[in-house]
Protein backbone atom coordinates (compact mmCIF):
# COMPACT_ATOMS: atom_id res chain seq x y z
CA MET A 1 23.54 155.99 135.38
CA PRO A 2 25.19 157.50 132.30
CA ARG A 3 27.85 158.90 134.56
CA LYS A 4 28.71 155.41 135.82
CA ILE A 5 28.93 154.09 132.27
CA ILE A 6 31.31 156.92 131.36
CA LEU A 7 33.49 156.14 134.37
CA ILE A 8 33.58 152.43 133.44
CA LEU A 9 34.57 153.24 129.87
CA ILE A 10 37.33 155.57 131.06
CA ALA A 11 38.65 152.86 133.37
CA ALA A 12 38.62 150.30 130.56
CA VAL A 13 40.54 152.62 128.27
CA VAL A 14 43.13 153.28 130.96
CA LEU A 15 43.59 149.58 131.66
CA GLY A 16 43.86 148.82 127.95
CA ALA A 17 46.49 151.50 127.44
CA SER A 18 48.42 150.20 130.43
CA GLY A 19 48.29 146.64 129.08
CA ALA A 20 49.50 147.75 125.65
CA ALA A 21 52.35 149.67 127.24
CA VAL A 22 53.32 146.65 129.31
CA TRP A 23 53.24 144.40 126.19
CA ARG A 24 55.31 146.85 124.18
CA PHE A 25 57.75 147.26 127.01
CA GLY A 26 58.11 143.46 127.23
CA ASN A 27 58.78 143.18 123.49
CA HIS A 28 61.54 145.79 123.49
CA GLY A 29 63.23 145.06 126.77
CA GLU A 30 62.84 145.38 130.51
CA ALA A 31 65.25 147.65 132.27
CA GLY A 32 64.65 145.98 135.61
CA ASN A 33 65.59 142.44 134.71
CA ASN A 34 67.71 143.09 131.59
CA LYS A 35 65.64 140.91 129.28
CA LEU A 36 64.65 141.33 125.66
CA THR A 37 61.67 139.45 124.26
CA LEU A 38 61.42 138.68 120.55
CA TYR A 39 58.93 136.72 118.46
CA GLY A 40 59.76 134.54 115.49
CA ASN A 41 59.50 131.11 113.92
CA VAL A 42 61.53 127.92 114.09
CA ASP A 43 63.76 127.53 111.04
CA ILE A 44 65.39 124.31 109.84
CA ARG A 45 67.66 123.79 106.85
CA GLN A 46 66.44 121.40 104.16
CA VAL A 47 68.63 119.45 101.73
CA GLN A 48 67.56 117.95 98.42
CA LEU A 49 69.45 114.65 98.09
CA ALA A 50 70.14 113.23 94.61
CA PHE A 51 72.43 110.61 93.08
CA ASN A 52 75.53 111.85 91.28
CA GLY A 53 74.78 109.58 88.34
CA SER A 54 72.05 108.34 86.01
CA GLU A 55 70.73 104.81 86.51
CA ARG A 56 67.66 102.89 87.71
CA ILE A 57 67.06 102.98 91.47
CA ALA A 58 67.55 99.51 92.95
CA SER A 59 66.56 100.13 96.59
CA MET A 60 65.23 102.81 98.93
CA LYS A 61 66.33 102.23 102.53
CA VAL A 62 64.30 104.81 104.53
CA ARG A 63 60.85 106.41 104.54
CA GLU A 64 59.33 109.74 105.51
CA GLY A 65 59.71 110.68 109.15
CA GLU A 66 62.66 108.38 109.84
CA GLN A 67 65.61 109.74 111.77
CA VAL A 68 68.90 109.17 109.94
CA LYS A 69 72.51 109.58 110.99
CA LYS A 70 75.37 111.16 109.06
CA GLY A 71 76.86 108.60 106.67
CA GLN A 72 73.83 106.28 106.76
CA LEU A 73 72.98 104.48 103.50
CA LEU A 74 69.72 105.85 102.09
CA ALA A 75 69.37 104.37 98.58
CA THR A 76 71.26 102.46 95.88
CA LEU A 77 71.30 102.29 92.09
CA ASP A 78 71.54 99.27 89.81
CA THR A 79 75.30 98.59 89.55
CA VAL A 80 75.51 95.90 86.82
CA ARG A 81 76.69 98.30 84.11
CA LEU A 82 78.86 100.32 86.50
CA ALA A 83 80.61 97.25 87.94
CA GLY A 84 81.24 95.91 84.43
CA ASN A 85 82.87 99.17 83.44
CA VAL A 86 85.17 98.95 86.46
CA ASP A 87 86.25 95.42 85.43
CA LEU A 88 86.92 96.62 81.87
CA GLN A 89 89.05 99.54 83.02
CA GLN A 90 91.00 97.29 85.40
CA ALA A 91 91.82 94.89 82.55
CA GLN A 92 92.98 97.72 80.28
CA LEU A 93 95.14 99.13 83.04
CA ALA A 94 96.77 95.75 83.69
CA SER A 95 97.51 95.33 79.96
CA GLN A 96 99.10 98.76 79.69
CA ARG A 97 101.23 98.11 82.77
CA GLN A 98 102.74 95.11 80.99
CA VAL A 99 103.48 97.25 77.93
CA VAL A 100 105.29 99.82 80.05
CA ALA A 101 107.21 97.11 81.92
CA ARG A 102 108.32 95.54 78.61
CA LEU A 103 109.54 98.85 77.23
CA GLU A 104 111.32 99.82 80.44
CA ALA A 105 113.05 96.42 80.67
CA GLY A 106 114.56 96.85 77.19
CA SER A 107 115.72 94.01 74.93
CA ARG A 108 116.13 90.54 76.35
CA PRO A 109 119.57 88.86 76.15
CA GLU A 110 118.14 86.29 73.76
CA GLU A 111 117.03 89.03 71.36
CA ILE A 112 120.49 90.59 71.41
CA SER A 113 122.13 87.20 70.81
CA LYS A 114 119.87 86.52 67.84
CA ALA A 115 120.62 89.94 66.34
CA GLN A 116 124.36 89.31 66.73
CA ALA A 117 124.03 85.93 65.03
CA ASP A 118 122.10 87.47 62.13
CA VAL A 119 124.84 90.07 61.71
CA GLU A 120 127.55 87.40 61.66
CA ALA A 121 125.67 85.34 59.07
CA ALA A 122 125.18 88.40 56.91
CA ARG A 123 128.89 89.19 57.15
CA ILE A 124 129.81 85.75 55.94
CA ASP A 125 127.32 85.95 53.05
CA ALA A 126 128.69 89.35 52.06
CA GLU A 127 132.28 88.08 52.05
CA ASN A 128 131.34 85.02 49.99
CA ALA A 129 129.41 87.13 47.52
CA GLU A 130 132.33 89.53 47.17
CA SER A 131 134.79 86.64 46.60
CA ASN A 132 132.50 85.12 43.99
CA TYR A 133 132.22 88.46 42.22
CA GLN A 134 135.99 88.88 42.09
CA ARG A 135 136.39 85.41 40.56
CA MET A 136 133.68 86.03 37.97
CA LYS A 137 135.23 89.39 37.15
CA LYS A 138 138.60 87.78 36.33
CA LEU A 139 136.98 85.03 34.28
CA ALA A 140 135.02 87.61 32.31
CA GLU A 141 138.22 89.50 31.57
CA GLN A 142 139.68 86.26 30.20
CA HIS A 143 136.46 85.63 28.27
CA PHE A 144 135.77 82.38 30.10
CA VAL A 145 132.36 83.67 31.26
CA SER A 146 130.06 86.29 29.86
CA ALA A 147 129.98 89.87 31.11
CA GLN A 148 126.39 89.31 32.24
CA GLN A 149 127.47 86.62 34.66
CA ALA A 150 130.02 88.98 36.14
CA ASP A 151 127.38 91.71 36.52
CA ASP A 152 125.03 89.27 38.26
CA ALA A 153 127.78 88.30 40.70
CA ARG A 154 128.45 91.97 41.46
CA ALA A 155 124.72 92.61 42.12
CA LYS A 156 124.58 89.70 44.56
CA SER A 157 127.65 91.01 46.33
CA ASP A 158 126.16 94.49 46.68
CA ALA A 159 122.89 93.06 48.03
CA ALA A 160 124.74 90.95 50.59
CA LYS A 161 126.74 93.97 51.75
CA ALA A 162 123.55 96.04 52.11
CA ARG A 163 121.88 93.31 54.14
CA TYR A 164 124.95 93.09 56.35
CA ALA A 165 124.87 96.85 56.99
CA SER A 166 121.14 96.73 57.72
CA LEU A 167 121.49 93.96 60.29
CA GLN A 168 124.34 95.85 61.95
CA GLU A 169 121.99 98.82 62.52
CA THR A 170 119.30 96.48 63.78
CA LEU A 171 121.75 95.09 66.32
CA LYS A 172 122.49 98.60 67.56
CA LEU A 173 118.76 99.27 68.04
CA VAL A 174 118.28 96.02 69.90
CA GLN A 175 121.23 96.78 72.18
CA GLN A 176 119.98 100.32 72.89
CA GLY A 177 116.43 99.16 73.65
CA PRO A 178 113.12 101.05 73.08
CA ARG A 179 113.14 104.76 72.29
CA LYS A 180 112.58 107.07 75.22
CA GLU A 181 109.68 108.68 73.33
CA ASP A 182 107.93 105.28 73.11
CA ILE A 183 108.42 104.72 76.83
CA ALA A 184 107.05 108.20 77.63
CA ALA A 185 103.99 107.58 75.43
CA ALA A 186 103.34 104.23 77.11
CA ARG A 187 103.61 105.81 80.57
CA ALA A 188 101.18 108.55 79.54
CA MET A 189 98.72 105.94 78.32
CA LEU A 190 99.11 104.13 81.63
CA LYS A 191 98.15 107.31 83.50
CA ALA A 192 95.13 107.75 81.26
CA ASP A 193 94.01 104.18 81.96
CA GLN A 194 94.48 104.76 85.70
CA ALA A 195 92.36 107.92 85.53
CA ALA A 196 89.66 106.06 83.60
CA LEU A 197 89.61 103.38 86.31
CA ASP A 198 89.31 106.03 89.03
CA VAL A 199 86.35 107.59 87.21
CA ALA A 200 84.69 104.19 86.86
CA ARG A 201 85.21 103.44 90.56
CA LYS A 202 83.81 106.87 91.50
CA ALA A 203 80.72 106.22 89.37
CA LEU A 204 80.25 102.88 91.14
CA ALA A 205 80.65 104.53 94.55
CA ASP A 206 78.13 107.22 93.56
CA ALA A 207 75.57 104.46 93.07
CA SER A 208 75.11 104.55 96.86
CA LEU A 209 73.41 107.59 98.40
CA TYR A 210 74.43 108.47 101.96
CA ALA A 211 73.09 111.04 104.41
CA PRO A 212 75.41 114.09 104.41
CA GLU A 213 74.27 115.07 107.91
CA SER A 214 71.97 113.79 110.64
CA GLY A 215 68.33 114.71 110.20
CA ILE A 216 64.80 113.57 109.44
CA ILE A 217 63.55 112.34 106.07
CA GLN A 218 60.91 114.92 105.24
CA GLU A 219 59.93 113.59 101.83
CA ARG A 220 60.60 110.43 99.80
CA ILE A 221 60.30 111.58 96.21
CA LEU A 222 61.36 108.61 94.03
CA GLU A 223 60.87 104.85 94.30
CA PRO A 224 62.75 101.70 93.16
CA GLY A 225 62.60 101.44 89.39
CA ASP A 226 62.60 105.19 88.83
CA MET A 227 65.38 106.65 86.71
CA ALA A 228 67.65 108.72 88.93
CA SER A 229 69.85 111.59 87.81
CA PRO A 230 71.70 114.50 89.44
CA GLN A 231 68.77 116.76 88.50
CA ARG A 232 66.11 114.57 90.21
CA PRO A 233 66.05 114.67 94.04
CA VAL A 234 65.43 111.36 95.77
CA TYR A 235 64.81 112.59 99.32
CA THR A 236 64.27 115.85 101.14
CA LEU A 237 66.29 115.83 104.37
CA ALA A 238 65.47 118.22 107.22
CA LEU A 239 68.65 118.87 109.20
CA THR A 240 68.17 118.63 112.96
CA ASP A 241 71.38 120.45 113.79
CA PRO A 242 71.43 123.35 113.90
CA ILE A 243 67.90 124.45 114.74
CA TRP A 244 67.25 128.12 115.23
CA VAL A 245 64.48 130.65 115.64
CA ARG A 246 64.44 133.40 113.03
CA ALA A 247 63.36 136.60 114.74
CA TYR A 248 63.69 140.33 114.09
CA VAL A 249 64.91 143.11 116.37
CA GLN A 250 64.33 146.82 116.01
CA GLU A 251 67.21 149.20 115.59
CA SER A 252 66.67 150.69 119.02
CA ASP A 253 67.31 147.28 120.64
CA LEU A 254 70.14 146.24 118.34
CA GLY A 255 72.86 147.50 120.69
CA LYS A 256 71.61 145.20 123.46
CA LEU A 257 72.48 142.04 121.52
CA GLN A 258 75.80 140.25 121.06
CA PRO A 259 76.51 136.85 119.50
CA GLY A 260 76.70 134.17 122.17
CA MET A 261 74.22 135.77 124.60
CA ARG A 262 72.14 133.28 126.54
CA ALA A 263 68.47 132.98 125.70
CA GLU A 264 65.39 130.88 126.33
CA VAL A 265 62.85 129.75 123.74
CA SER A 266 59.27 128.75 124.44
CA THR A 267 56.41 127.64 122.19
CA ASP A 268 52.66 127.31 122.47
CA SER A 269 52.94 123.61 121.60
CA PHE A 270 54.80 122.87 124.85
CA PRO A 271 53.51 125.35 127.46
CA GLY A 272 55.86 126.00 130.33
CA LYS A 273 58.85 124.31 128.67
CA LYS A 274 61.97 126.40 128.14
CA TYR A 275 64.62 125.48 125.58
CA ARG A 276 68.19 126.58 126.16
CA ALA A 277 69.38 128.87 123.36
CA TRP A 278 71.87 131.56 122.43
CA VAL A 279 72.24 134.36 119.93
CA GLY A 280 74.06 132.91 116.95
CA TYR A 281 73.78 135.50 114.20
CA ILE A 282 72.84 139.15 113.85
CA SER A 283 72.28 140.44 110.34
CA PRO A 284 74.64 143.25 109.26
CA SER A 285 71.93 144.86 107.11
CA ALA A 286 68.43 146.13 107.79
CA GLU A 287 65.26 145.07 105.99
CA PHE A 288 61.59 145.95 106.02
CA THR A 289 59.55 144.18 108.66
CA PRO A 290 58.21 140.87 107.25
CA LYS A 291 54.43 140.55 107.40
CA ALA A 292 54.65 137.41 109.53
CA VAL A 293 56.56 139.19 112.30
CA GLU A 294 54.51 140.30 115.30
CA THR A 295 55.47 143.88 116.21
CA THR A 296 53.77 146.93 117.60
CA GLU A 297 55.58 149.18 115.12
CA VAL A 298 54.27 150.02 111.69
CA ARG A 299 55.01 147.51 108.97
CA SER A 300 57.33 149.82 107.09
CA SER A 301 59.86 150.11 109.95
CA LEU A 302 63.30 148.60 109.47
CA VAL A 303 64.44 145.61 111.53
CA TYR A 304 67.46 143.30 111.70
CA GLN A 305 67.23 139.54 111.44
CA VAL A 306 68.52 137.56 114.42
CA ARG A 307 69.06 133.81 114.56
CA ILE A 308 68.65 132.24 117.95
CA PHE A 309 70.18 128.76 118.02
CA VAL A 310 68.18 126.29 120.12
CA CYS A 311 69.10 123.10 122.01
CA ASP A 312 66.38 120.57 121.13
CA SER A 313 67.66 117.16 122.14
CA GLN A 314 64.20 115.55 121.98
CA GLY A 315 63.34 116.80 118.48
CA GLU A 316 60.17 118.61 119.50
CA LEU A 317 60.57 121.77 117.44
CA ARG A 318 59.16 121.82 113.92
CA LEU A 319 59.76 124.00 110.91
CA GLY A 320 57.70 127.21 111.00
CA MET A 321 56.55 126.76 114.60
CA PRO A 322 55.91 130.17 116.29
CA ALA A 323 58.31 130.76 119.16
CA THR A 324 59.00 133.35 121.85
CA VAL A 325 62.62 134.23 122.58
CA THR A 326 63.74 135.75 125.86
CA ILE A 327 67.33 137.02 125.79
CA ALA A 328 69.27 137.75 128.97
CA THR A 329 70.93 140.98 127.85
CA GLY A 330 72.51 141.51 131.26
CA ARG A 331 74.60 138.31 131.15
CA PRO A 332 77.90 138.01 129.25
CA PRO A 333 78.06 135.93 126.06
CA VAL A 334 78.89 132.24 126.42
CA ALA A 335 82.39 131.32 125.18
CA GLY A 336 82.87 128.41 122.80
CA ASP A 337 80.67 126.72 120.23
CA ASP A 338 78.94 123.95 122.17
CA HIS A 339 76.46 126.09 124.09
CA CYS A 340 74.08 123.16 124.63
CA THR A 341 76.54 121.60 127.12
CA GLN A 342 77.11 124.83 129.05
CA SER A 343 74.99 126.15 131.85
């Protein structure tokens, strides 16, 4: 009887060792069918979505679990203040445009005609004042008028001549038009007003939050009435494209892999279902085996991260889901980027 028990135990040990060898052989590769089996977890990128501005949230368009498309409106801010600022900047820009147009157009013909008339009137006054002074000067010499009266006449003549010279210079300025420095300053102010309007319009546009890519709303963090800011996420978006399995390969199997190699992914959640996949990324550097990775080697061995991109048109794969990857190492890599449409 003891002998039979010993024989049974020996047989069990042999079968167990054979099973372990078969499992290890399957994990590292099968020479007969040129396949490499890896184990990993489904990985999905997540994006924290926030408004590029600070204002009260007016509306939230989607909830957790909803599928959204790229460019879809997700939420809006209160735009009363932002729209008012746009109107203000538009009015200032329109006003400055008129200033620039006036300076560039120069003096109107009516302004030049008026300046010419003022000059002619001043010339006549200056001539009359000079004639009056000459008469008073002669009378003073003959003692018919006092010297003071002659001096007063001379002062009036000098003032009339100075006014005539001043109006002549004014006429030249009117004929030449605005200074080029004034026009340049007005144009610069116009550009500043245009930039201010662009900033105001951008702030108004930023009051609407759109989906940057297609995906699933994983978390709705804020609600209408909350104060939004660039530092406060509104939604967490899980990107549905691309989806990949993050796995690790040992150095001894690294030479069997190339980017673009065909693969199949299976999960325990959907037994018997195979997802089309391909090798998308092989890490250029080694790392210590993560604790979550299933491997028959000791935990301190070095491995290389591999990303296996998966075609999941029905959205069945979830973040962190354990997955088994079977890579056809004997088949050439698939050319092109859209592997999901290739057989």
